[in-house]
N, C-alpha and C. Protein backbone atom coordinates (compact mmCIF):
# COMPACT_ATOMS: atom_id res chain seq x y z
N GLY A 1 27.24 -18.80 -16.44
CA GLY A 1 26.48 -17.58 -16.63
C GLY A 1 27.04 -16.52 -16.40
N ALA A 2 27.07 -16.55 -14.82
CA ALA A 2 27.87 -14.95 -14.11
C ALA A 2 29.37 -14.89 -14.68
N TRP A 3 29.96 -16.50 -14.40
CA TRP A 3 31.06 -16.69 -14.36
C TRP A 3 31.74 -15.49 -15.62
N PHE A 4 30.59 -16.07 -16.88
CA PHE A 4 30.68 -15.99 -18.42
C PHE A 4 30.96 -14.21 -18.53
N PHE A 5 29.87 -13.51 -17.94
CA PHE A 5 29.94 -12.00 -17.99
C PHE A 5 31.22 -11.50 -17.30
N ALA A 6 31.99 -12.47 -16.22
CA ALA A 6 33.49 -11.74 -16.05
C ALA A 6 34.83 -11.84 -16.93
N GLY A 7 34.68 -12.96 -17.86
CA GLY A 7 35.43 -13.63 -18.47
C GLY A 7 36.51 -14.53 -17.69
N LYS A 8 36.69 -15.43 -18.70
CA LYS A 8 37.54 -16.93 -18.41
C LYS A 8 38.72 -16.19 -17.87
N GLY A 9 38.98 -15.09 -18.03
CA GLY A 9 40.33 -14.84 -17.61
C GLY A 9 40.63 -15.09 -15.98
N ILE A 10 39.47 -14.70 -15.36
CA ILE A 10 39.27 -14.59 -13.85
C ILE A 10 38.99 -16.36 -13.14
N PRO A 11 39.75 -16.27 -12.32
CA PRO A 11 39.39 -18.03 -12.33
C PRO A 11 38.49 -18.08 -11.10
N ASN A 12 37.81 -19.17 -11.43
CA ASN A 12 36.72 -19.34 -10.02
C ASN A 12 37.29 -19.99 -9.07
N ALA A 13 38.87 -20.29 -8.85
CA ALA A 13 39.24 -20.82 -7.25
C ALA A 13 39.98 -19.42 -7.30
N GLY A 14 40.07 -19.16 -5.73
CA GLY A 14 41.22 -18.35 -5.37
C GLY A 14 42.05 -18.88 -5.55
N ALA A 15 43.33 -17.40 -4.67
CA ALA A 15 44.84 -18.15 -4.33
C ALA A 15 44.97 -19.20 -3.65
N ASP A 16 44.18 -19.09 -2.59
CA ASP A 16 44.29 -20.58 -1.92
C ASP A 16 43.83 -21.80 -2.74
N LYS A 17 43.60 -21.39 -3.79
CA LYS A 17 42.73 -22.95 -4.59
C LYS A 17 41.86 -23.88 -4.21
N LYS A 18 41.22 -23.07 -3.36
CA LYS A 18 39.42 -23.38 -2.57
C LYS A 18 38.59 -23.24 -4.35
N LYS A 19 37.60 -23.77 -3.85
CA LYS A 19 36.41 -23.10 -5.04
C LYS A 19 36.02 -22.00 -4.25
N THR A 20 36.29 -20.91 -4.49
CA THR A 20 35.69 -19.32 -4.38
C THR A 20 34.31 -18.99 -4.96
N LEU A 21 34.71 -19.46 -6.52
CA LEU A 21 33.82 -18.99 -7.17
C LEU A 21 33.35 -17.64 -7.51
N GLU A 22 35.35 -17.16 -7.50
CA GLU A 22 35.88 -15.64 -7.31
C GLU A 22 34.96 -15.01 -8.81
N GLY A 23 35.60 -16.01 -10.26
CA GLY A 23 34.95 -15.45 -11.33
C GLY A 23 33.36 -15.09 -11.67
N SER A 24 32.80 -16.18 -10.80
CA SER A 24 30.95 -16.34 -10.81
C SER A 24 30.77 -14.91 -9.93
N VAL A 25 31.31 -15.14 -8.82
CA VAL A 25 30.92 -13.55 -7.96
C VAL A 25 31.00 -12.17 -8.61
N LEU A 26 32.28 -11.84 -9.28
CA LEU A 26 32.44 -10.95 -9.59
C LEU A 26 31.52 -10.74 -10.78
N GLY A 27 31.72 -11.85 -11.50
CA GLY A 27 30.21 -11.50 -13.23
C GLY A 27 29.48 -11.06 -12.31
N ALA A 28 28.53 -11.47 -11.88
CA ALA A 28 27.15 -11.37 -11.52
C ALA A 28 27.13 -10.20 -10.54
N VAL A 29 28.38 -9.74 -9.90
CA VAL A 29 28.19 -8.33 -9.21
C VAL A 29 28.47 -7.35 -10.75
N ALA A 30 29.48 -7.57 -11.37
CA ALA A 30 29.41 -7.21 -12.61
C ALA A 30 28.14 -6.45 -13.28
N ALA A 31 27.75 -7.81 -13.38
CA ALA A 31 26.56 -7.81 -14.18
C ALA A 31 25.06 -7.07 -13.48
N ALA A 32 25.31 -7.08 -12.33
CA ALA A 32 24.31 -6.43 -11.74
C ALA A 32 24.36 -4.59 -11.88
N LEU A 33 25.37 -4.09 -11.38
CA LEU A 33 26.08 -3.17 -11.59
C LEU A 33 25.58 -2.65 -12.82
N HIS A 34 26.43 -3.16 -14.01
CA HIS A 34 26.25 -2.41 -15.04
C HIS A 34 24.29 -1.70 -15.53
N THR A 35 23.66 -3.33 -15.05
CA THR A 35 22.18 -3.19 -15.61
C THR A 35 21.46 -1.91 -14.90
N ARG A 36 22.21 -2.30 -13.40
CA ARG A 36 21.57 -0.52 -12.49
C ARG A 36 21.90 0.75 -12.91
N THR A 37 23.37 0.57 -13.52
CA THR A 37 23.43 1.90 -14.38
C THR A 37 22.99 2.20 -15.15
N MET A 38 22.19 1.18 -16.17
CA MET A 38 22.14 1.47 -17.64
C MET A 38 20.26 2.04 -17.19
N ALA A 39 20.26 1.21 -15.92
CA ALA A 39 18.68 1.34 -15.94
C ALA A 39 18.62 2.62 -15.66
N LYS A 40 19.00 3.27 -14.61
CA LYS A 40 19.44 4.53 -14.87
C LYS A 40 18.91 5.82 -16.03
N PHE A 41 19.98 5.45 -16.90
CA PHE A 41 19.97 5.78 -18.13
C PHE A 41 18.73 5.85 -18.77
N TYR A 42 17.81 4.60 -18.65
CA TYR A 42 16.75 4.35 -19.67
C TYR A 42 15.88 4.75 -19.15
N GLY A 43 15.51 5.28 -17.67
CA GLY A 43 14.66 5.08 -16.89
C GLY A 43 13.92 4.35 -16.54
N VAL A 44 14.16 2.75 -16.51
CA VAL A 44 13.17 1.96 -16.43
C VAL A 44 14.03 1.23 -14.48
N PRO A 45 12.61 0.52 -14.31
CA PRO A 45 12.85 0.11 -12.90
C PRO A 45 13.69 -1.19 -13.37
N VAL A 46 14.57 -2.07 -12.29
CA VAL A 46 15.42 -2.93 -12.03
C VAL A 46 14.41 -4.12 -11.10
N VAL A 47 14.50 -5.09 -11.70
CA VAL A 47 14.82 -6.84 -10.68
C VAL A 47 15.76 -6.98 -11.18
N MET A 48 16.70 -7.55 -10.05
CA MET A 48 17.78 -8.16 -10.59
C MET A 48 17.52 -9.66 -9.78
N HIS A 49 17.47 -10.98 -10.43
CA HIS A 49 17.18 -11.65 -9.33
C HIS A 49 18.64 -12.97 -9.86
N SER A 50 18.99 -13.86 -9.12
CA SER A 50 19.92 -14.92 -9.12
C SER A 50 19.07 -16.46 -9.07
N ASP A 51 19.67 -17.32 -9.73
CA ASP A 51 18.61 -18.36 -10.15
C ASP A 51 19.66 -19.72 -9.73
N HIS A 52 18.67 -20.78 -9.26
CA HIS A 52 19.13 -22.12 -8.74
C HIS A 52 20.87 -21.92 -8.42
N CYS A 53 20.98 -22.24 -7.19
CA CYS A 53 22.17 -21.61 -6.67
C CYS A 53 21.92 -23.09 -5.81
N ALA A 54 22.97 -23.86 -6.32
CA ALA A 54 22.84 -25.54 -5.56
C ALA A 54 24.21 -25.40 -4.36
N LYS A 55 24.20 -26.13 -3.39
CA LYS A 55 24.92 -26.32 -2.24
C LYS A 55 26.50 -26.13 -2.81
N LYS A 56 26.80 -26.54 -4.00
CA LYS A 56 27.99 -26.51 -4.31
C LYS A 56 28.37 -25.36 -4.79
N LEU A 57 27.46 -24.22 -5.23
CA LEU A 57 27.56 -22.72 -5.30
C LEU A 57 27.54 -21.71 -4.16
N LEU A 58 27.06 -22.41 -3.09
CA LEU A 58 27.00 -21.44 -2.15
C LEU A 58 28.04 -20.28 -1.68
N PRO A 59 29.70 -20.21 -2.12
CA PRO A 59 30.29 -19.32 -2.28
C PRO A 59 30.13 -18.28 -3.13
N TRP A 60 29.20 -18.85 -4.13
CA TRP A 60 28.60 -17.92 -5.57
C TRP A 60 27.08 -16.74 -4.64
N PHE A 61 26.94 -17.72 -4.04
CA PHE A 61 25.37 -16.88 -2.90
C PHE A 61 26.19 -16.13 -1.75
N ASP A 62 27.03 -16.63 -1.34
CA ASP A 62 27.75 -15.96 -0.54
C ASP A 62 28.45 -14.34 -0.83
N GLY A 63 29.04 -14.59 -2.20
CA GLY A 63 29.29 -13.28 -2.56
C GLY A 63 28.88 -12.67 -3.03
N MET A 64 27.37 -12.57 -3.43
CA MET A 64 26.75 -11.78 -3.81
C MET A 64 25.69 -11.48 -2.83
N LEU A 65 25.42 -12.37 -1.98
CA LEU A 65 24.66 -11.53 -0.89
C LEU A 65 25.71 -10.57 0.34
N LYS A 66 27.30 -10.61 0.31
CA LYS A 66 27.90 -9.45 0.50
C LYS A 66 27.89 -8.31 -0.21
N ALA A 67 28.06 -8.42 -1.76
CA ALA A 67 27.98 -7.42 -2.43
C ALA A 67 26.37 -6.76 -1.93
N ASP A 68 25.07 -7.64 -1.82
CA ASP A 68 24.02 -7.19 -1.52
C ASP A 68 23.90 -6.22 -0.26
N GLU A 69 24.40 -6.57 0.96
CA GLU A 69 24.52 -5.82 2.30
C GLU A 69 25.81 -4.43 1.86
N GLU A 70 26.52 -4.31 1.09
CA GLU A 70 27.91 -3.51 0.77
C GLU A 70 26.81 -2.97 0.03
N TYR A 71 26.16 -3.19 -1.24
CA TYR A 71 25.47 -2.06 -1.83
C TYR A 71 24.24 -1.05 -0.99
N PHE A 72 23.61 -1.82 -0.33
CA PHE A 72 22.82 -1.40 0.68
C PHE A 72 23.02 -0.76 2.12
N ALA A 73 24.22 -0.75 2.34
CA ALA A 73 24.92 0.21 3.40
C ALA A 73 25.38 1.74 2.61
N ALA A 74 25.30 1.37 1.26
CA ALA A 74 25.81 2.78 0.48
C ALA A 74 24.62 3.40 -0.07
N THR A 75 23.73 2.41 -0.66
CA THR A 75 22.10 3.30 -1.40
C THR A 75 20.87 3.11 -0.93
N GLY A 76 20.79 2.32 -0.16
CA GLY A 76 19.73 1.98 0.72
C GLY A 76 18.74 0.72 0.35
N VAL A 77 19.44 0.35 -0.82
CA VAL A 77 18.86 -1.30 -1.71
C VAL A 77 19.88 -1.95 -1.69
N PRO A 78 19.38 -3.31 -1.77
CA PRO A 78 20.13 -4.08 -2.47
C PRO A 78 20.68 -4.12 -3.87
N LEU A 79 21.83 -4.85 -3.82
CA LEU A 79 22.09 -4.75 -5.23
C LEU A 79 21.23 -5.95 -6.13
N PHE A 80 21.18 -6.86 -5.85
CA PHE A 80 19.96 -7.55 -6.54
C PHE A 80 18.49 -7.60 -5.39
N SER A 81 17.35 -7.99 -6.45
CA SER A 81 16.51 -7.81 -5.46
C SER A 81 16.21 -9.23 -5.34
N SER A 82 16.51 -10.31 -5.55
CA SER A 82 16.31 -11.53 -4.97
C SER A 82 16.94 -12.34 -5.65
N HIS A 83 17.73 -13.66 -4.51
CA HIS A 83 18.21 -14.73 -5.24
C HIS A 83 16.98 -16.06 -4.91
N MET A 84 17.59 -17.21 -5.97
CA MET A 84 17.47 -18.57 -5.34
C MET A 84 18.03 -19.52 -4.92
N LEU A 85 17.96 -19.80 -4.11
CA LEU A 85 18.37 -21.03 -3.25
C LEU A 85 17.62 -22.57 -3.81
N ASP A 86 18.37 -23.40 -4.53
CA ASP A 86 17.78 -24.83 -5.31
C ASP A 86 18.94 -25.88 -4.18
N LEU A 87 18.49 -25.91 -3.13
CA LEU A 87 19.00 -27.28 -2.21
C LEU A 87 18.30 -28.60 -2.42
N SER A 88 17.45 -28.56 -3.75
CA SER A 88 16.50 -29.90 -3.46
C SER A 88 17.20 -31.23 -3.68
N GLU A 89 18.41 -31.49 -4.00
CA GLU A 89 19.05 -32.59 -3.75
C GLU A 89 19.09 -32.65 -2.58
N GLU A 90 19.03 -31.47 -1.47
CA GLU A 90 19.78 -31.86 0.20
C GLU A 90 18.86 -32.64 0.59
N LYS A 91 18.81 -32.92 1.96
CA LYS A 91 17.43 -33.56 2.98
C LYS A 91 16.68 -32.18 3.23
N ASP A 92 15.71 -31.88 3.32
CA ASP A 92 14.80 -30.95 4.01
C ASP A 92 15.49 -30.56 5.00
N ASP A 93 15.84 -31.02 6.22
CA ASP A 93 15.84 -29.98 7.01
C ASP A 93 17.37 -29.04 6.76
N GLU A 94 18.01 -29.51 6.30
CA GLU A 94 19.40 -29.40 5.54
C GLU A 94 18.81 -27.96 4.51
N ASN A 95 17.63 -27.96 3.44
CA ASN A 95 17.74 -27.62 2.61
C ASN A 95 17.00 -26.23 3.74
N ILE A 96 16.40 -26.26 4.45
CA ILE A 96 15.29 -25.18 5.03
C ILE A 96 16.00 -24.69 5.97
N ALA A 97 16.88 -25.25 6.72
CA ALA A 97 17.86 -24.59 7.86
C ALA A 97 18.90 -23.90 6.73
N THR A 98 19.15 -24.16 6.07
CA THR A 98 20.00 -23.12 5.28
C THR A 98 19.26 -21.79 4.28
N CYS A 99 17.75 -22.01 4.09
CA CYS A 99 17.31 -20.87 3.18
C CYS A 99 17.03 -20.12 4.57
N VAL A 100 17.05 -20.73 6.01
CA VAL A 100 16.82 -19.75 7.42
C VAL A 100 17.92 -18.55 7.27
N ARG A 101 18.87 -19.33 7.29
CA ARG A 101 20.54 -19.02 7.47
C ARG A 101 20.31 -17.81 6.72
N TYR A 102 20.38 -17.69 4.93
CA TYR A 102 20.29 -16.61 4.06
C TYR A 102 19.11 -15.67 4.48
N PHE A 103 17.81 -16.37 4.29
CA PHE A 103 16.89 -15.28 3.90
C PHE A 103 16.82 -14.24 5.58
N THR A 104 17.19 -14.71 6.68
CA THR A 104 17.74 -13.70 7.76
C THR A 104 18.26 -12.85 7.45
N ARG A 105 19.40 -12.83 6.82
CA ARG A 105 19.99 -11.92 6.19
C ARG A 105 19.52 -10.96 5.23
N MET A 106 18.87 -11.72 4.45
CA MET A 106 18.15 -11.03 3.13
C MET A 106 17.02 -9.90 3.59
N ALA A 107 16.04 -10.72 4.66
CA ALA A 107 15.04 -9.88 5.08
C ALA A 107 16.00 -8.44 5.95
N LYS A 108 16.78 -8.15 6.27
CA LYS A 108 16.93 -6.91 6.64
C LYS A 108 16.91 -6.13 5.52
N MET A 109 17.15 -6.75 4.18
CA MET A 109 17.32 -5.51 3.24
C MET A 109 16.03 -5.58 2.72
N GLY A 110 15.40 -6.01 2.65
CA GLY A 110 13.72 -6.33 2.13
C GLY A 110 13.74 -7.16 0.80
N MET A 111 14.89 -8.55 0.51
CA MET A 111 14.65 -8.81 -0.56
C MET A 111 14.08 -9.83 -0.47
N PHE A 112 14.21 -10.66 -1.48
CA PHE A 112 13.00 -11.58 -1.95
C PHE A 112 13.64 -12.76 -2.28
N LEU A 113 13.01 -14.29 -1.56
CA LEU A 113 14.39 -15.67 -1.43
C LEU A 113 13.30 -16.50 -2.43
N GLU A 114 13.52 -17.14 -3.12
CA GLU A 114 12.86 -18.06 -3.86
C GLU A 114 13.25 -19.43 -3.39
N MET A 115 12.96 -20.13 -2.68
CA MET A 115 13.23 -21.53 -2.90
C MET A 115 12.94 -22.67 -3.17
N GLU A 116 13.47 -23.98 -3.33
CA GLU A 116 13.12 -25.05 -4.06
C GLU A 116 13.14 -26.30 -3.09
N ILE A 117 12.18 -26.89 -3.64
CA ILE A 117 12.51 -28.06 -2.57
C ILE A 117 11.39 -29.29 -3.31
N GLY A 118 11.60 -30.25 -3.08
CA GLY A 118 11.39 -31.65 -3.53
C GLY A 118 12.28 -31.66 -5.12
N LYS A 119 12.31 -33.22 -5.22
CA LYS A 119 13.32 -33.22 -7.00
C LYS A 119 12.67 -32.66 -7.48
N THR A 120 13.42 -32.50 -8.82
CA THR A 120 13.25 -32.41 -9.66
C THR A 120 13.92 -32.83 -11.10
N GLY A 121 13.21 -33.56 -11.99
CA GLY A 121 13.55 -34.95 -12.80
C GLY A 121 14.94 -33.88 -13.62
N GLY A 122 15.95 -35.36 -14.19
CA GLY A 122 16.40 -34.93 -15.64
C GLY A 122 17.88 -34.09 -14.56
N GLU A 123 18.38 -33.32 -16.09
CA GLU A 123 19.82 -32.45 -15.05
C GLU A 123 19.66 -31.12 -15.20
N GLU A 124 19.97 -30.21 -14.39
CA GLU A 124 20.11 -29.00 -14.70
C GLU A 124 21.22 -28.51 -13.92
N ASP A 125 22.40 -27.81 -14.68
CA ASP A 125 23.22 -27.51 -14.19
C ASP A 125 24.28 -28.07 -12.74
N GLY A 126 24.26 -29.00 -13.60
CA GLY A 126 25.26 -30.74 -12.93
C GLY A 126 24.32 -31.40 -12.02
N VAL A 127 23.45 -30.70 -11.25
CA VAL A 127 22.40 -31.37 -10.61
C VAL A 127 21.42 -32.52 -11.20
N LYS A 128 21.51 -33.96 -11.10
CA LYS A 128 21.00 -34.91 -11.93
C LYS A 128 20.03 -35.65 -10.90
N HIS A 129 18.99 -35.94 -11.21
CA HIS A 129 17.93 -37.09 -10.84
C HIS A 129 17.32 -37.67 -11.18
N GLU A 130 17.78 -39.13 -11.32
CA GLU A 130 16.98 -40.07 -12.10
C GLU A 130 16.34 -41.24 -11.01
N GLY A 131 15.57 -40.61 -9.91
CA GLY A 131 15.17 -42.08 -8.78
C GLY A 131 13.44 -42.02 -9.20
N ALA A 132 12.93 -42.31 -7.96
CA ALA A 132 11.81 -42.70 -8.44
C ALA A 132 10.70 -42.02 -8.58
N ILE A 133 10.08 -41.95 -9.30
CA ILE A 133 9.23 -41.11 -9.96
C ILE A 133 7.76 -40.18 -8.84
N GLU A 134 7.97 -41.10 -7.80
CA GLU A 134 7.31 -40.18 -6.51
C GLU A 134 7.84 -39.30 -6.22
N GLU A 135 9.04 -39.36 -5.96
CA GLU A 135 10.09 -38.15 -5.69
C GLU A 135 10.13 -36.56 -6.14
N LEU A 136 9.06 -37.04 -7.53
CA LEU A 136 9.31 -35.57 -8.30
C LEU A 136 7.78 -34.59 -7.92
N PHE A 137 7.63 -35.07 -6.72
CA PHE A 137 6.41 -34.71 -6.01
C PHE A 137 6.45 -34.42 -4.66
N THR A 138 6.44 -32.94 -4.97
CA THR A 138 6.71 -32.25 -3.17
C THR A 138 5.12 -32.13 -2.45
N SER A 139 5.34 -32.48 -1.02
CA SER A 139 4.06 -32.91 -0.74
C SER A 139 3.65 -31.70 0.24
N SER A 140 2.36 -31.55 0.64
CA SER A 140 1.95 -30.57 1.51
C SER A 140 2.50 -30.13 2.73
N GLU A 141 2.98 -31.65 3.00
CA GLU A 141 3.57 -31.22 4.53
C GLU A 141 4.95 -30.43 3.98
N GLN A 142 5.67 -31.09 2.92
CA GLN A 142 7.07 -30.18 2.97
C GLN A 142 7.05 -28.62 2.83
N VAL A 143 6.08 -28.19 2.26
CA VAL A 143 5.38 -26.86 1.89
C VAL A 143 5.35 -26.01 2.93
N TRP A 144 4.40 -26.88 3.70
CA TRP A 144 3.85 -26.41 5.38
C TRP A 144 5.28 -25.71 5.88
N ARG A 145 6.10 -27.38 6.48
CA ARG A 145 7.87 -26.71 6.86
C ARG A 145 8.31 -25.88 6.07
N VAL A 146 8.18 -25.38 5.26
CA VAL A 146 9.27 -24.34 4.97
C VAL A 146 8.29 -23.11 5.06
N HIS A 147 7.12 -22.76 4.74
CA HIS A 147 6.36 -22.17 4.74
C HIS A 147 6.39 -21.37 6.47
N GLU A 148 6.29 -22.95 7.36
CA GLU A 148 6.31 -22.19 8.95
C GLU A 148 7.62 -21.83 9.05
N ALA A 149 8.42 -22.00 8.64
CA ALA A 149 10.06 -21.44 8.74
C ALA A 149 10.35 -20.21 8.26
N LEU A 150 10.31 -19.89 7.22
CA LEU A 150 10.36 -18.95 6.21
C LEU A 150 9.21 -17.54 6.91
N SER A 151 8.27 -17.44 6.60
CA SER A 151 7.25 -16.83 7.33
C SER A 151 7.19 -16.20 8.41
N ALA A 152 8.01 -16.89 9.31
CA ALA A 152 8.48 -16.27 10.55
C ALA A 152 9.64 -15.20 10.61
N ILE A 153 10.12 -15.11 9.29
CA ILE A 153 11.25 -13.91 9.20
C ILE A 153 10.46 -13.40 8.57
N SER A 154 9.97 -13.26 7.37
CA SER A 154 9.36 -12.30 6.41
C SER A 154 8.59 -12.36 5.33
N PRO A 155 7.50 -12.55 4.59
CA PRO A 155 6.07 -12.97 3.35
C PRO A 155 6.92 -12.95 2.42
N ASN A 156 8.00 -12.19 2.21
CA ASN A 156 9.25 -12.11 0.78
C ASN A 156 9.55 -13.80 0.37
N PHE A 157 9.02 -14.31 0.03
CA PHE A 157 9.69 -15.73 -0.27
C PHE A 157 8.61 -16.52 -1.26
N SER A 158 9.22 -17.04 -1.94
CA SER A 158 8.33 -18.05 -2.99
C SER A 158 9.08 -19.30 -2.50
N ILE A 159 8.14 -20.50 -2.86
CA ILE A 159 8.31 -22.13 -2.95
C ILE A 159 8.36 -22.37 -3.84
N ALA A 160 9.13 -22.97 -4.88
CA ALA A 160 8.94 -24.09 -6.13
C ALA A 160 9.27 -25.09 -5.93
N ALA A 161 7.88 -26.05 -5.62
CA ALA A 161 7.63 -26.79 -5.27
C ALA A 161 7.14 -28.03 -6.54
N ALA A 162 8.09 -29.05 -6.97
CA ALA A 162 8.23 -30.07 -7.35
C ALA A 162 6.58 -30.92 -7.71
N PHE A 163 6.35 -30.66 -9.23
CA PHE A 163 4.67 -31.42 -9.51
C PHE A 163 5.05 -32.31 -10.48
N GLY A 164 6.15 -32.78 -10.54
CA GLY A 164 6.52 -33.74 -11.57
C GLY A 164 7.38 -33.35 -12.79
N ASN A 165 7.52 -32.21 -12.81
CA ASN A 165 8.86 -31.17 -13.58
C ASN A 165 9.79 -32.07 -13.72
N PHE A 166 10.63 -31.85 -14.73
CA PHE A 166 11.76 -31.87 -15.18
C PHE A 166 12.34 -31.48 -16.30
N HIS A 167 14.32 -31.44 -16.20
CA HIS A 167 14.90 -30.91 -16.96
C HIS A 167 15.51 -32.31 -18.31
N GLY A 168 14.89 -32.04 -19.27
CA GLY A 168 15.79 -32.65 -20.68
C GLY A 168 14.84 -33.96 -20.28
N VAL A 169 15.22 -35.03 -20.40
CA VAL A 169 15.20 -36.18 -20.82
C VAL A 169 15.14 -36.83 -19.20
N TYR A 170 13.77 -37.42 -18.53
CA TYR A 170 14.30 -37.85 -17.82
C TYR A 170 13.96 -39.71 -17.60
N LYS A 171 15.21 -39.95 -17.03
CA LYS A 171 15.03 -41.78 -17.25
C LYS A 171 14.44 -42.42 -15.69
N ALA A 172 13.36 -43.16 -15.55
CA ALA A 172 13.07 -43.66 -14.24
C ALA A 172 14.01 -44.90 -14.10
N PRO A 173 14.06 -45.29 -13.01
CA PRO A 173 14.94 -46.52 -12.77
C PRO A 173 14.99 -47.66 -13.73
N ASP A 174 13.26 -47.70 -13.67
CA ASP A 174 13.16 -48.96 -14.89
C ASP A 174 13.17 -48.44 -16.37
N GLY A 175 13.84 -47.40 -16.63
CA GLY A 175 14.00 -47.22 -18.02
C GLY A 175 13.17 -46.72 -18.63
N ALA A 176 11.47 -46.47 -18.15
CA ALA A 176 10.65 -45.95 -18.85
C ALA A 176 10.71 -44.71 -18.61
N ASN A 177 9.86 -43.73 -19.06
CA ASN A 177 9.24 -42.23 -18.54
C ASN A 177 8.06 -42.06 -18.52
N LYS A 178 7.47 -42.31 -17.25
CA LYS A 178 6.07 -42.24 -17.06
C LYS A 178 5.44 -41.22 -16.31
N VAL A 179 6.37 -40.20 -15.84
CA VAL A 179 5.95 -39.12 -15.29
C VAL A 179 5.16 -38.02 -16.56
N LYS A 180 4.22 -37.84 -15.64
CA LYS A 180 3.05 -36.79 -15.71
C LYS A 180 2.67 -35.24 -14.71
N LEU A 181 2.91 -34.09 -15.61
CA LEU A 181 2.73 -33.04 -14.64
C LEU A 181 1.53 -33.30 -13.70
N ALA A 182 1.69 -32.88 -12.83
CA ALA A 182 0.24 -32.69 -11.97
C ALA A 182 0.47 -31.23 -11.37
N PRO A 183 0.47 -30.44 -11.53
CA PRO A 183 0.21 -28.96 -11.54
C PRO A 183 -0.62 -28.92 -10.38
N GLU A 184 -2.32 -29.50 -10.44
CA GLU A 184 -2.92 -29.30 -9.61
C GLU A 184 -2.49 -29.29 -8.28
N ILE A 185 -1.29 -30.15 -7.96
CA ILE A 185 -1.13 -30.20 -6.56
C ILE A 185 -0.52 -29.15 -5.71
N LEU A 186 -0.18 -27.87 -6.80
CA LEU A 186 -0.01 -26.97 -5.89
C LEU A 186 -1.17 -26.24 -5.54
N GLY A 187 -2.45 -26.20 -6.11
CA GLY A 187 -3.47 -25.79 -5.94
C GLY A 187 -4.03 -26.60 -3.99
N LYS A 188 -3.23 -27.48 -4.03
CA LYS A 188 -4.03 -28.30 -3.01
C LYS A 188 -3.00 -27.97 -1.97
N HIS A 189 -1.30 -27.93 -2.08
CA HIS A 189 -0.44 -27.07 -1.35
C HIS A 189 -1.10 -25.44 -0.91
N GLN A 190 -1.58 -24.76 -1.69
CA GLN A 190 -2.23 -23.62 -0.98
C GLN A 190 -2.92 -24.23 0.12
N LYS A 191 -4.22 -24.45 -0.32
CA LYS A 191 -5.54 -24.94 0.50
C LYS A 191 -4.51 -25.54 1.90
N TYR A 192 -3.55 -26.23 1.85
CA TYR A 192 -3.18 -27.28 3.25
C TYR A 192 -2.46 -25.91 4.17
N ILE A 193 -1.79 -24.96 3.55
CA ILE A 193 -1.24 -23.88 3.83
C ILE A 193 -2.52 -22.90 4.77
N LYS A 194 -3.60 -22.97 3.89
CA LYS A 194 -4.56 -21.59 4.69
C LYS A 194 -5.10 -22.63 5.88
């Protein structure tokens, strides 16, 4: 997405050949600057959100957050309104700790964080999960741990909890597709938190 906006002529590997995602960072920043510039012309408010940043894409997140901080220093508002960290394929402790680290910086600019916890079946952006069906349902305890950690920083966050959702075709280990969405568990999570 963001790299497309920059153009494939800009590499996603830096001069040192490490995966810096330079093209993706430049594309995201250019798209956000373009949108903010045109919004002034049209007189409309802007909400800029980046979506589904997995662990392997954290250099992209780092670059966007750096741009947010620079834009904030110059204008008093961040370049993006919000970002999503999708570290759902990582262990909960790492997922939450990483979100805390980034959200601490984001909160200083009044930014909103969306984070994902729990597994989503199928495949999206190269992240694939075809494990046990039970893993597709975030528990109230997981949601509580996230809420406890992030609410200590700022109330400006949301938790994308899994409730049996999946991308594309989901293949369970036994080859069957017995997944049933259970959005009612989201209400149970809210009651648990209160």
